[in-house]
Amino acid sequence: QVQLVESGGGLVQAGGSLRLSCAVSGLTFSDYTMGWFRQVPGKEREFVAAISRSAGTIYYGDSVKGRFTISRDNAKNTVWLQMDSLKPEDTAVYYCASDSLPVGVATVALEYDYWGQGTQVTVSS
Protein backbone atom coordinates (compact mmCIF):
# COMPACT_ATOMS: atom_id res chain seq x y z
CA GLN A 1 0.00 0.00 0.00
CA VAL A 2 1.44 3.32 -1.10
CA GLN A 3 1.43 6.03 1.52
CA LEU A 4 2.57 9.64 1.36
CA VAL A 5 2.36 11.38 4.71
CA GLU A 6 2.96 15.12 4.97
CA SER A 7 3.88 16.88 8.18
CA GLY A 8 5.23 20.22 9.33
CA GLY A 9 2.35 22.50 8.51
CA GLY A 10 1.03 25.08 10.94
CA LEU A 11 0.48 28.74 11.66
CA VAL A 12 3.30 31.20 11.07
CA GLN A 13 3.61 34.96 10.78
CA ALA A 14 4.44 36.61 7.48
CA GLY A 15 8.17 36.55 6.88
CA GLY A 16 8.58 33.34 8.83
CA SER A 17 9.59 29.85 7.76
CA LEU A 18 8.23 26.35 7.79
CA ARG A 19 9.65 23.05 6.65
CA LEU A 20 7.27 20.47 5.29
CA SER A 21 8.16 16.78 5.16
CA CYS A 22 6.66 13.98 3.13
CA ALA A 23 7.46 10.43 4.17
CA VAL A 24 6.81 7.84 1.47
CA SER A 25 6.28 4.10 1.76
CA GLY A 26 5.00 1.28 -0.41
CA LEU A 27 6.93 2.19 -3.55
CA THR A 28 10.52 2.43 -4.74
CA PHE A 29 11.06 6.05 -3.82
CA SER A 30 14.10 6.57 -6.04
CA ASP A 31 12.00 5.62 -9.11
CA TYR A 32 9.64 8.56 -8.64
CA THR A 33 9.73 12.25 -9.34
CA MET A 34 8.32 14.04 -6.30
CA GLY A 35 6.26 17.19 -6.33
CA TRP A 36 4.58 19.65 -4.00
CA PHE A 37 1.28 21.30 -4.82
CA ARG A 38 -1.03 23.55 -2.87
CA GLN A 39 -4.71 24.32 -2.95
CA VAL A 40 -7.09 26.86 -1.47
CA PRO A 41 -10.86 26.38 -1.44
CA GLY A 42 -12.48 27.19 -4.74
CA LYS A 43 -9.24 27.16 -6.70
CA GLU A 44 -7.38 24.58 -8.72
CA ARG A 45 -4.41 22.78 -7.28
CA GLU A 46 -1.31 24.88 -7.89
CA PHE A 47 2.14 23.58 -8.73
CA VAL A 48 4.76 24.56 -6.13
CA ALA A 49 7.90 22.52 -6.77
CA ALA A 50 9.16 19.24 -8.19
CA ILE A 51 12.38 17.29 -7.98
CA SER A 52 13.60 14.51 -10.24
CA ARG A 53 14.58 11.04 -9.07
CA SER A 54 18.24 11.89 -8.58
CA ALA A 55 17.56 15.51 -7.58
CA GLY A 56 19.38 16.62 -10.71
CA THR A 57 16.41 18.59 -12.03
CA ILE A 58 14.27 20.92 -9.93
CA TYR A 59 11.41 23.18 -10.94
CA TYR A 60 9.53 25.82 -8.96
CA GLY A 61 6.30 27.63 -9.50
CA ASP A 62 6.77 31.31 -10.31
CA SER A 63 5.09 32.44 -7.10
CA VAL A 64 7.60 30.61 -4.86
CA LYS A 65 10.88 30.95 -6.76
CA GLY A 66 13.65 32.25 -4.55
CA ARG A 67 11.69 31.55 -1.36
CA PHE A 68 11.01 27.80 -1.34
CA THR A 69 13.49 24.94 -1.65
CA ILE A 70 12.65 21.34 -2.45
CA SER A 71 14.99 18.49 -1.52
CA ARG A 72 14.91 14.74 -1.12
CA ASP A 73 16.81 11.90 0.47
CA ASN A 74 16.32 8.61 -1.34
CA ALA A 75 17.82 6.67 1.56
CA LYS A 76 15.15 8.07 3.88
CA ASN A 77 12.26 7.95 1.38
CA THR A 78 11.52 11.56 2.22
CA VAL A 79 11.04 14.81 0.36
CA TRP A 80 11.06 18.23 2.02
CA LEU A 81 9.83 21.69 1.18
CA GLN A 82 11.66 24.49 2.97
CA MET A 83 9.48 27.58 2.88
CA ASP A 84 11.08 30.93 3.76
CA SER A 85 9.85 34.50 3.60
CA LEU A 86 6.30 33.26 3.82
CA LYS A 87 3.46 35.50 2.70
CA PRO A 88 -0.24 35.42 3.55
CA GLU A 89 -0.93 34.33 -0.03
CA ASP A 90 1.03 31.13 0.66
CA THR A 91 -1.82 30.02 2.91
CA ALA A 92 -3.14 26.73 1.54
CA VAL A 93 -3.26 23.00 2.03
CA TYR A 94 0.03 21.59 0.79
CA TYR A 95 0.20 18.16 -0.82
CA CYS A 96 3.10 15.99 -1.84
CA ALA A 97 2.77 13.68 -4.81
CA SER A 98 4.75 11.08 -6.71
CA ASP A 99 5.09 10.61 -10.46
CA SER A 100 6.34 7.38 -12.02
CA LEU A 101 6.98 8.69 -15.53
CA PRO A 102 10.53 7.69 -16.50
CA VAL A 103 11.41 10.95 -18.20
CA GLY A 104 10.89 14.59 -17.44
CA VAL A 105 9.73 16.37 -14.32
CA ALA A 106 6.00 16.97 -14.28
CA THR A 107 4.50 20.26 -13.16
CA VAL A 108 0.89 19.31 -13.80
CA ALA A 109 -1.14 17.65 -11.07
CA LEU A 110 -2.84 15.22 -13.44
CA GLU A 111 0.50 13.57 -14.20
CA TYR A 112 1.07 12.50 -10.60
CA ASP A 113 0.07 9.03 -9.49
CA TYR A 114 -0.09 9.14 -5.71
CA TRP A 115 -0.96 11.89 -3.27
CA GLY A 116 -0.71 12.57 0.41
CA GLN A 117 -3.58 13.78 2.56
CA GLY A 118 -2.26 17.32 2.77
CA THR A 119 -1.07 19.59 5.55
CA GLN A 120 -2.45 23.05 6.30
CA VAL A 121 -0.16 26.06 6.14
CA THR A 122 -1.55 29.34 7.41
CA VAL A 123 0.45 32.57 7.16
CA SER A 124 -0.85 35.49 9.17
CA SER A 125 -0.22 39.10 8.22
C-alpha atoms as a PDB file:
ATOM      1  CA  GLN A   1       0.000   0.000   0.000  1.00  0.00           C
ATOM      2  CA  VAL A   2       1.437   3.321  -1.099  1.00  0.00           C
ATOM      3  CA  GLN A   3       1.432   6.028   1.519  1.00  0.00           C
ATOM      4  CA  LEU A   4       2.570   9.637   1.361  1.00  0.00           C
ATOM      5  CA  VAL A   5       2.357  11.379   4.710  1.00  0.00           C
ATOM      6  CA  GLU A   6       2.957  15.116   4.973  1.00  0.00           C
ATOM      7  CA  SER A   7       3.879  16.885   8.182  1.00  0.00           C
ATOM      8  CA  GLY A   8       5.226  20.218   9.327  1.00  0.00           C
ATOM      9  CA  GLY A   9       2.348  22.505   8.512  1.00  0.00           C
ATOM     10  CA  GLY A  10       1.031  25.078  10.935  1.00  0.00           C
ATOM     11  CA  LEU A  11       0.476  28.737  11.660  1.00  0.00           C
ATOM     12  CA  VAL A  12       3.298  31.204  11.066  1.00  0.00           C
ATOM     13  CA  GLN A  13       3.607  34.958  10.780  1.00  0.00           C
ATOM     14  CA  ALA A  14       4.435  36.615   7.483  1.00  0.00           C
ATOM     15  CA  GLY A  15       8.173  36.551   6.878  1.00  0.00           C
ATOM     16  CA  GLY A  16       8.583  33.337   8.832  1.00  0.00           C
ATOM     17  CA  SER A  17       9.592  29.854   7.758  1.00  0.00           C
ATOM     18  CA  LEU A  18       8.229  26.347   7.792  1.00  0.00           C
ATOM     19  CA  ARG A  19       9.650  23.047   6.649  1.00  0.00           C
ATOM     20  CA  LEU A  20       7.266  20.466   5.285  1.00  0.00           C
ATOM     21  CA  SER A  21       8.162  16.783   5.164  1.00  0.00           C
ATOM     22  CA  CYS A  22       6.655  13.979   3.130  1.00  0.00           C
ATOM     23  CA  ALA A  23       7.458  10.426   4.175  1.00  0.00           C
ATOM     24  CA  VAL A  24       6.806   7.842   1.471  1.00  0.00           C
ATOM     25  CA  SER A  25       6.283   4.101   1.764  1.00  0.00           C
ATOM     26  CA  GLY A  26       4.999   1.278  -0.413  1.00  0.00           C
ATOM     27  CA  LEU A  27       6.933   2.187  -3.547  1.00  0.00           C
ATOM     28  CA  THR A  28      10.518   2.429  -4.739  1.00  0.00           C
ATOM     29  CA  PHE A  29      11.057   6.051  -3.819  1.00  0.00           C
ATOM     30  CA  SER A  30      14.099   6.567  -6.043  1.00  0.00           C
ATOM     31  CA  ASP A  31      12.005   5.624  -9.108  1.00  0.00           C
ATOM     32  CA  TYR A  32       9.643   8.565  -8.640  1.00  0.00           C
ATOM     33  CA  THR A  33       9.735  12.246  -9.338  1.00  0.00           C
ATOM     34  CA  MET A  34       8.317  14.044  -6.298  1.00  0.00           C
ATOM     35  CA  GLY A  35       6.257  17.189  -6.329  1.00  0.00           C
ATOM     36  CA  TRP A  36       4.582  19.646  -3.998  1.00  0.00           C
ATOM     37  CA  PHE A  37       1.277  21.302  -4.817  1.00  0.00           C
ATOM     38  CA  ARG A  38      -1.035  23.551  -2.866  1.00  0.00           C
ATOM     39  CA  GLN A  39      -4.711  24.322  -2.952  1.00  0.00           C
ATOM     40  CA  VAL A  40      -7.086  26.857  -1.473  1.00  0.00           C
ATOM     41  CA  PRO A  41     -10.858  26.382  -1.440  1.00  0.00           C
ATOM     42  CA  GLY A  42     -12.479  27.186  -4.739  1.00  0.00           C
ATOM     43  CA  LYS A  43      -9.235  27.163  -6.695  1.00  0.00           C
ATOM     44  CA  GLU A  44      -7.375  24.580  -8.720  1.00  0.00           C
ATOM     45  CA  ARG A  45      -4.412  22.776  -7.276  1.00  0.00           C
ATOM     46  CA  GLU A  46      -1.307  24.885  -7.889  1.00  0.00           C
ATOM     47  CA  PHE A  47       2.143  23.583  -8.725  1.00  0.00           C
ATOM     48  CA  VAL A  48       4.755  24.563  -6.127  1.00  0.00           C
ATOM     49  CA  ALA A  49       7.898  22.518  -6.770  1.00  0.00           C
ATOM     50  CA  ALA A  50       9.156  19.243  -8.195  1.00  0.00           C
ATOM     51  CA  ILE A  51      12.378  17.285  -7.978  1.00  0.00           C
ATOM     52  CA  SER A  52      13.603  14.513 -10.235  1.00  0.00           C
ATOM     53  CA  ARG A  53      14.577  11.041  -9.072  1.00  0.00           C
ATOM     54  CA  SER A  54      18.239  11.895  -8.579  1.00  0.00           C
ATOM     55  CA  ALA A  55      17.563  15.508  -7.581  1.00  0.00           C
ATOM     56  CA  GLY A  56      19.380  16.619 -10.707  1.00  0.00           C
ATOM     57  CA  THR A  57      16.405  18.587 -12.026  1.00  0.00           C
ATOM     58  CA  ILE A  58      14.270  20.916  -9.931  1.00  0.00           C
ATOM     59  CA  TYR A  59      11.405  23.179 -10.938  1.00  0.00           C
ATOM     60  CA  TYR A  60       9.534  25.815  -8.961  1.00  0.00           C
ATOM     61  CA  GLY A  61       6.299  27.630  -9.504  1.00  0.00           C
ATOM     62  CA  ASP A  62       6.766  31.310 -10.305  1.00  0.00           C
ATOM     63  CA  SER A  63       5.091  32.440  -7.096  1.00  0.00           C
ATOM     64  CA  VAL A  64       7.596  30.611  -4.858  1.00  0.00           C
ATOM     65  CA  LYS A  65      10.879  30.946  -6.757  1.00  0.00           C
ATOM     66  CA  GLY A  66      13.646  32.248  -4.550  1.00  0.00           C
ATOM     67  CA  ARG A  67      11.688  31.554  -1.355  1.00  0.00           C
ATOM     68  CA  PHE A  68      11.010  27.801  -1.338  1.00  0.00           C
ATOM     69  CA  THR A  69      13.489  24.937  -1.651  1.00  0.00           C
ATOM     70  CA  ILE A  70      12.645  21.335  -2.445  1.00  0.00           C
ATOM     71  CA  SER A  71      14.985  18.495  -1.525  1.00  0.00           C
ATOM     72  CA  ARG A  72      14.914  14.743  -1.120  1.00  0.00           C
ATOM     73  CA  ASP A  73      16.815  11.899   0.470  1.00  0.00           C
ATOM     74  CA  ASN A  74      16.316   8.605  -1.338  1.00  0.00           C
ATOM     75  CA  ALA A  75      17.816   6.668   1.559  1.00  0.00           C
ATOM     76  CA  LYS A  76      15.148   8.072   3.878  1.00  0.00           C
ATOM     77  CA  ASN A  77      12.257   7.946   1.384  1.00  0.00           C
ATOM     78  CA  THR A  78      11.516  11.557   2.223  1.00  0.00           C
ATOM     79  CA  VAL A  79      11.035  14.807   0.363  1.00  0.00           C
ATOM     80  CA  TRP A  80      11.055  18.234   2.021  1.00  0.00           C
ATOM     81  CA  LEU A  81       9.831  21.686   1.185  1.00  0.00           C
ATOM     82  CA  GLN A  82      11.660  24.492   2.972  1.00  0.00           C
ATOM     83  CA  MET A  83       9.482  27.581   2.879  1.00  0.00           C
ATOM     84  CA  ASP A  84      11.076  30.925   3.758  1.00  0.00           C
ATOM     85  CA  SER A  85       9.846  34.503   3.596  1.00  0.00           C
ATOM     86  CA  LEU A  86       6.296  33.260   3.823  1.00  0.00           C
ATOM     87  CA  LYS A  87       3.464  35.502   2.696  1.00  0.00           C
ATOM     88  CA  PRO A  88      -0.242  35.423   3.552  1.00  0.00           C
ATOM     89  CA  GLU A  89      -0.934  34.325  -0.033  1.00  0.00           C
ATOM     90  CA  ASP A  90       1.032  31.135   0.663  1.00  0.00           C
ATOM     91  CA  THR A  91      -1.817  30.017   2.908  1.00  0.00           C
ATOM     92  CA  ALA A  92      -3.138  26.727   1.537  1.00  0.00           C
ATOM     93  CA  VAL A  93      -3.265  22.996   2.029  1.00  0.00           C
ATOM     94  CA  TYR A  94       0.028  21.588   0.794  1.00  0.00           C
ATOM     95  CA  TYR A  95       0.198  18.160  -0.825  1.00  0.00           C
ATOM     96  CA  CYS A  96       3.103  15.995  -1.838  1.00  0.00           C
ATOM     97  CA  ALA A  97       2.771  13.682  -4.807  1.00  0.00           C
ATOM     98  CA  SER A  98       4.751  11.076  -6.706  1.00  0.00           C
ATOM     99  CA  ASP A  99       5.087  10.612 -10.457  1.00  0.00           C
ATOM    100  CA  SER A 100       6.339   7.383 -12.021  1.00  0.00           C
ATOM    101  CA  LEU A 101       6.979   8.688 -15.531  1.00  0.00           C
ATOM    102  CA  PRO A 102      10.530   7.688 -16.500  1.00  0.00           C
ATOM    103  CA  VAL A 103      11.408  10.947 -18.200  1.00  0.00           C
ATOM    104  CA  GLY A 104      10.894  14.590 -17.437  1.00  0.00           C
ATOM    105  CA  VAL A 105       9.727  16.366 -14.318  1.00  0.00           C
ATOM    106  CA  ALA A 106       6.003  16.973 -14.279  1.00  0.00           C
ATOM    107  CA  THR A 107       4.504  20.265 -13.155  1.00  0.00           C
ATOM    108  CA  VAL A 108       0.890  19.307 -13.802  1.00  0.00           C
ATOM    109  CA  ALA A 109      -1.141  17.652 -11.072  1.00  0.00           C
ATOM    110  CA  LEU A 110      -2.839  15.221 -13.441  1.00  0.00           C
ATOM    111  CA  GLU A 111       0.504  13.567 -14.205  1.00  0.00           C
ATOM    112  CA  TYR A 112       1.073  12.502 -10.600  1.00  0.00           C
ATOM    113  CA  ASP A 113       0.068   9.026  -9.493  1.00  0.00           C
ATOM    114  CA  TYR A 114      -0.086   9.138  -5.707  1.00  0.00           C
ATOM    115  CA  TRP A 115      -0.955  11.894  -3.269  1.00  0.00           C
ATOM    116  CA  GLY A 116      -0.711  12.568   0.415  1.00  0.00           C
ATOM    117  CA  GLN A 117      -3.581  13.776   2.565  1.00  0.00           C
ATOM    118  CA  GLY A 118      -2.265  17.319   2.775  1.00  0.00           C
ATOM    119  CA  THR A 119      -1.066  19.593   5.547  1.00  0.00           C
ATOM    120  CA  GLN A 120      -2.451  23.047   6.296  1.00  0.00           C
ATOM    121  CA  VAL A 121      -0.157  26.056   6.141  1.00  0.00           C
ATOM    122  CA  THR A 122      -1.547  29.340   7.411  1.00  0.00           C
ATOM    123  CA  VAL A 123       0.446  32.570   7.165  1.00  0.00           C
ATOM    124  CA  SER A 124      -0.854  35.486   9.173  1.00  0.00           C
ATOM    125  CA  SER A 125      -0.221  39.105   8.221  1.00  0.00           C
END
